[in-house]
Protein backbone atom coordinates (compact mmCIF):
# COMPACT_ATOMS: atom_id res chain seq x y z
CA MET A 1 13.71 -26.39 42.01
CA SER A 2 15.45 -24.91 38.99
CA SER A 3 15.83 -26.50 35.59
CA LEU A 4 19.24 -27.21 34.08
CA TYR A 5 18.01 -25.51 30.91
CA THR A 6 16.82 -21.97 31.46
CA PRO A 7 16.38 -20.04 28.24
CA THR A 8 16.55 -16.33 28.86
CA ASP A 9 15.30 -14.96 25.57
CA GLN A 10 12.40 -17.28 24.81
CA ALA A 11 8.74 -16.64 25.24
CA VAL A 12 7.97 -20.37 25.38
CA THR A 13 9.71 -23.71 25.58
CA TRP A 14 6.87 -25.69 23.96
CA VAL A 15 4.65 -24.70 21.06
CA ALA A 16 2.49 -26.54 18.52
CA LEU A 17 1.80 -25.63 14.91
CA CYS A 18 -1.47 -26.66 13.31
CA GLY A 19 -3.06 -25.88 9.99
CA PHE A 20 -4.06 -27.43 6.71
CA MET A 21 -1.53 -29.35 4.62
CA GLY A 22 0.67 -27.02 2.63
CA THR A 23 0.38 -24.06 5.00
CA GLY A 24 4.05 -24.38 5.94
CA LYS A 25 3.95 -26.20 9.27
CA SER A 26 7.08 -28.28 8.62
CA ARG A 27 9.21 -25.50 7.18
CA ILE A 28 8.05 -22.84 9.63
CA GLY A 29 8.27 -25.33 12.50
CA TRP A 30 11.86 -26.22 11.64
CA GLU A 31 12.90 -22.57 11.34
CA LEU A 32 11.01 -21.59 14.50
CA SER A 33 12.70 -24.41 16.44
CA ARG A 34 16.09 -23.12 15.34
CA ARG A 35 15.16 -19.55 16.26
CA LEU A 36 13.98 -20.61 19.73
CA SER A 37 16.71 -23.26 20.25
CA LEU A 38 14.09 -25.97 20.64
CA THR A 39 13.80 -29.49 19.23
CA PHE A 40 11.64 -29.87 16.12
CA ILE A 41 9.11 -32.72 16.05
CA ASP A 42 7.02 -33.37 12.93
CA THR A 43 4.22 -35.73 13.97
CA ASP A 44 3.74 -37.05 10.43
CA ARG A 45 7.42 -38.06 10.25
CA VAL A 46 7.19 -39.72 13.69
CA ILE A 47 4.19 -41.76 12.51
CA GLU A 48 6.05 -42.82 9.38
CA ARG A 49 9.11 -43.88 11.38
CA VAL A 50 7.18 -45.77 14.04
CA SER A 51 4.85 -47.51 11.58
CA CYS A 52 7.58 -48.12 8.97
CA ALA A 53 5.11 -46.89 6.34
CA ARG A 54 4.41 -43.72 4.41
CA ILE A 55 1.26 -41.86 5.39
CA SER A 56 -0.28 -42.54 1.98
CA ASP A 57 0.33 -46.28 2.53
CA ILE A 58 -1.29 -46.16 5.98
CA PHE A 59 -4.36 -44.50 4.42
CA ASP A 60 -4.43 -47.02 1.55
CA ASN A 61 -3.87 -50.14 3.65
CA TYR A 62 -5.58 -49.34 6.96
CA GLY A 63 -7.78 -46.30 6.40
CA GLU A 64 -7.97 -42.81 7.80
CA GLN A 65 -9.17 -43.88 11.27
CA VAL A 66 -6.04 -45.93 11.92
CA PHE A 67 -3.91 -42.99 10.86
CA ARG A 68 -5.89 -40.67 13.16
CA ASP A 69 -5.37 -43.14 16.03
CA TYR A 70 -1.62 -42.98 15.43
CA GLU A 71 -1.84 -39.20 15.39
CA THR A 72 -3.64 -39.08 18.73
CA GLU A 73 -1.03 -41.31 20.35
CA VAL A 74 1.85 -39.22 18.99
CA ILE A 75 0.20 -36.02 20.27
CA ARG A 76 -0.26 -37.64 23.69
CA ARG A 77 3.47 -38.42 23.79
CA CYS A 78 4.47 -34.98 22.56
CA LEU A 79 2.74 -33.44 25.57
CA ARG A 80 5.44 -34.99 27.76
CA LEU A 81 8.22 -33.21 25.89
CA ASP A 82 9.89 -30.02 26.97
CA HIS A 83 11.80 -27.62 24.74
CA ALA A 84 9.99 -28.58 21.53
CA VAL A 85 8.19 -27.17 18.52
CA ILE A 86 5.54 -29.69 17.44
CA SER A 87 4.32 -29.65 13.84
CA THR A 88 1.04 -31.56 13.57
CA GLY A 89 -0.66 -33.10 10.56
CA GLY A 90 -3.33 -31.08 8.80
CA GLY A 91 -6.20 -33.19 10.13
CA THR A 92 -4.97 -33.59 13.70
CA VAL A 93 -7.49 -31.00 14.86
CA THR A 94 -10.45 -33.01 13.57
CA ARG A 95 -10.49 -34.90 16.87
CA GLN A 96 -11.62 -32.91 19.89
CA VAL A 97 -9.29 -34.93 22.15
CA ASN A 98 -6.30 -33.75 20.10
CA ARG A 99 -7.39 -30.12 20.31
CA ASP A 100 -7.92 -30.42 24.04
CA MET A 101 -4.51 -32.02 24.58
CA LEU A 102 -2.68 -29.42 22.51
CA LYS A 103 -4.43 -26.47 24.18
CA SER A 104 -3.68 -27.90 27.63
CA ARG A 105 0.07 -27.95 27.00
CA GLY A 106 0.94 -24.59 25.53
CA PRO A 107 0.33 -22.13 22.75
CA VAL A 108 -1.04 -23.47 19.47
CA ILE A 109 -0.34 -21.49 16.32
CA VAL A 110 -2.61 -22.13 13.35
CA LEU A 111 -1.06 -21.39 9.98
CA TRP A 112 -3.34 -20.36 7.12
CA ALA A 113 -2.96 -20.16 3.35
CA SER A 114 -5.37 -19.84 0.43
CA PRO A 115 -6.57 -22.94 -1.45
CA ASP A 116 -4.51 -21.85 -4.49
CA THR A 117 -1.34 -21.53 -2.41
CA ILE A 118 -1.99 -24.87 -0.73
CA TYR A 119 -2.47 -26.56 -4.09
CA LYS A 120 0.75 -25.06 -5.48
CA ARG A 121 2.66 -26.29 -2.44
CA THR A 122 1.18 -29.82 -2.37
CA ARG A 123 0.56 -30.75 -6.01
CA LYS A 124 3.83 -32.64 -6.44
CA HIS A 125 3.25 -34.91 -3.44
CA LYS A 126 0.72 -37.70 -3.05
CA ARG A 127 -1.92 -36.46 -0.62
CA PRO A 128 -4.58 -39.11 0.04
CA LEU A 129 -7.29 -36.61 0.93
CA LEU A 130 -6.77 -34.69 -2.33
CA GLU A 131 -6.88 -37.71 -4.65
CA MET A 132 -10.50 -37.12 -5.67
CA GLY A 133 -12.11 -34.52 -7.92
CA ASN A 134 -10.79 -31.02 -8.48
CA PRO A 135 -7.99 -30.54 -5.92
CA ILE A 136 -8.65 -26.82 -5.32
CA ASP A 137 -12.36 -27.50 -4.74
CA ARG A 138 -11.43 -30.37 -2.41
CA ILE A 139 -8.99 -28.15 -0.49
CA SER A 140 -11.68 -25.48 -0.13
CA GLU A 141 -14.20 -28.05 1.14
CA LEU A 142 -11.78 -29.55 3.66
CA LEU A 143 -10.61 -26.13 4.85
CA GLU A 144 -14.18 -25.06 5.45
CA SER A 145 -15.07 -28.32 7.22
CA ARG A 146 -12.08 -27.87 9.56
CA ARG A 147 -12.37 -24.11 10.09
CA LYS A 148 -14.15 -24.37 13.45
CA ALA A 149 -11.65 -26.93 14.72
CA TYR A 150 -8.71 -24.71 13.72
CA GLU A 151 -10.39 -21.71 15.36
CA ASP A 152 -11.06 -23.75 18.51
CA VAL A 153 -7.45 -24.87 18.96
CA ALA A 154 -5.73 -21.59 17.98
CA SER A 155 -3.95 -19.45 20.54
CA PHE A 156 -3.39 -17.25 17.50
CA ASN A 157 -3.39 -17.42 13.69
CA VAL A 158 -0.71 -16.54 11.15
CA SER A 159 -1.04 -16.33 7.36
CA THR A 160 1.78 -17.77 5.25
CA ASP A 161 0.36 -16.65 1.89
CA GLY A 162 2.96 -14.89 -0.25
CA ARG A 163 5.33 -14.36 2.68
CA LYS A 164 8.95 -15.21 3.32
CA SER A 165 9.41 -17.72 6.12
CA THR A 166 11.60 -15.23 8.02
CA ASP A 167 8.69 -12.76 8.12
CA VAL A 168 6.33 -15.46 9.34
CA ILE A 169 8.82 -16.45 12.07
CA GLU A 170 9.15 -12.82 13.21
CA GLU A 171 5.38 -12.51 13.51
CA ILE A 172 5.13 -15.78 15.43
CA VAL A 173 7.88 -14.82 17.88
CA GLU A 174 6.21 -11.45 18.47
CA LYS A 175 2.85 -13.13 19.09
CA LEU A 176 4.45 -15.73 21.38
CA TRP A 177 5.84 -12.93 23.57
CA HIS A 178 2.40 -11.35 23.70
CA TRP A 179 0.85 -14.75 24.54
CA LYS A 180 3.41 -15.22 27.35
CA LYS A 181 2.69 -11.79 28.83
CA THR A 182 -1.03 -12.56 28.79
CA GLN A 183 -0.47 -15.92 30.48
CA ASP A 184 1.84 -14.36 33.08
CA SER A 185 -0.75 -11.74 33.96
CA LEU A 186 -3.45 -14.42 34.29
CA THR A 187 -1.33 -16.52 36.66
CA SER A 188 -0.30 -13.52 38.79
CA ARG A 189 -3.90 -12.70 39.67
């Protein structure tokens, strides 16, 4: 049975972006979706729309666990989508169930940036997890505490430090083609 939509020049029709806040998931995700002619889904924006509240308000009023529950449900629903680039929240990977779901569906790209870059990109926005102590120290601590989770979920990693988004997109597309070839050779065995 053939699909009505058959992209001829795409390595994938579903991909997820993970990484710490400020690594570029939303911007890169949007540009990647345009490059691949896929729909862009930002899980944080979906949570805000469905809950009718900003993420900072969810954290303040209900706590991190409620927010993480929302995140898990949105990820579960995103698995049902086709033709999509999914940009996840920075802490989505802290739950094993989220990592398992994402890995089961398709390639997962983890974006990386230095603590200084992350701080520069996030300092003008209220970020509940950075509202305590020295923000760069806090970013470093959180990055280190999540490192294994990011490594576990990653099909591959891409640095966004000091790079134009177009260069990051080119690297991702190249790596997606390589990922597809690897998957094709595994399934043809």
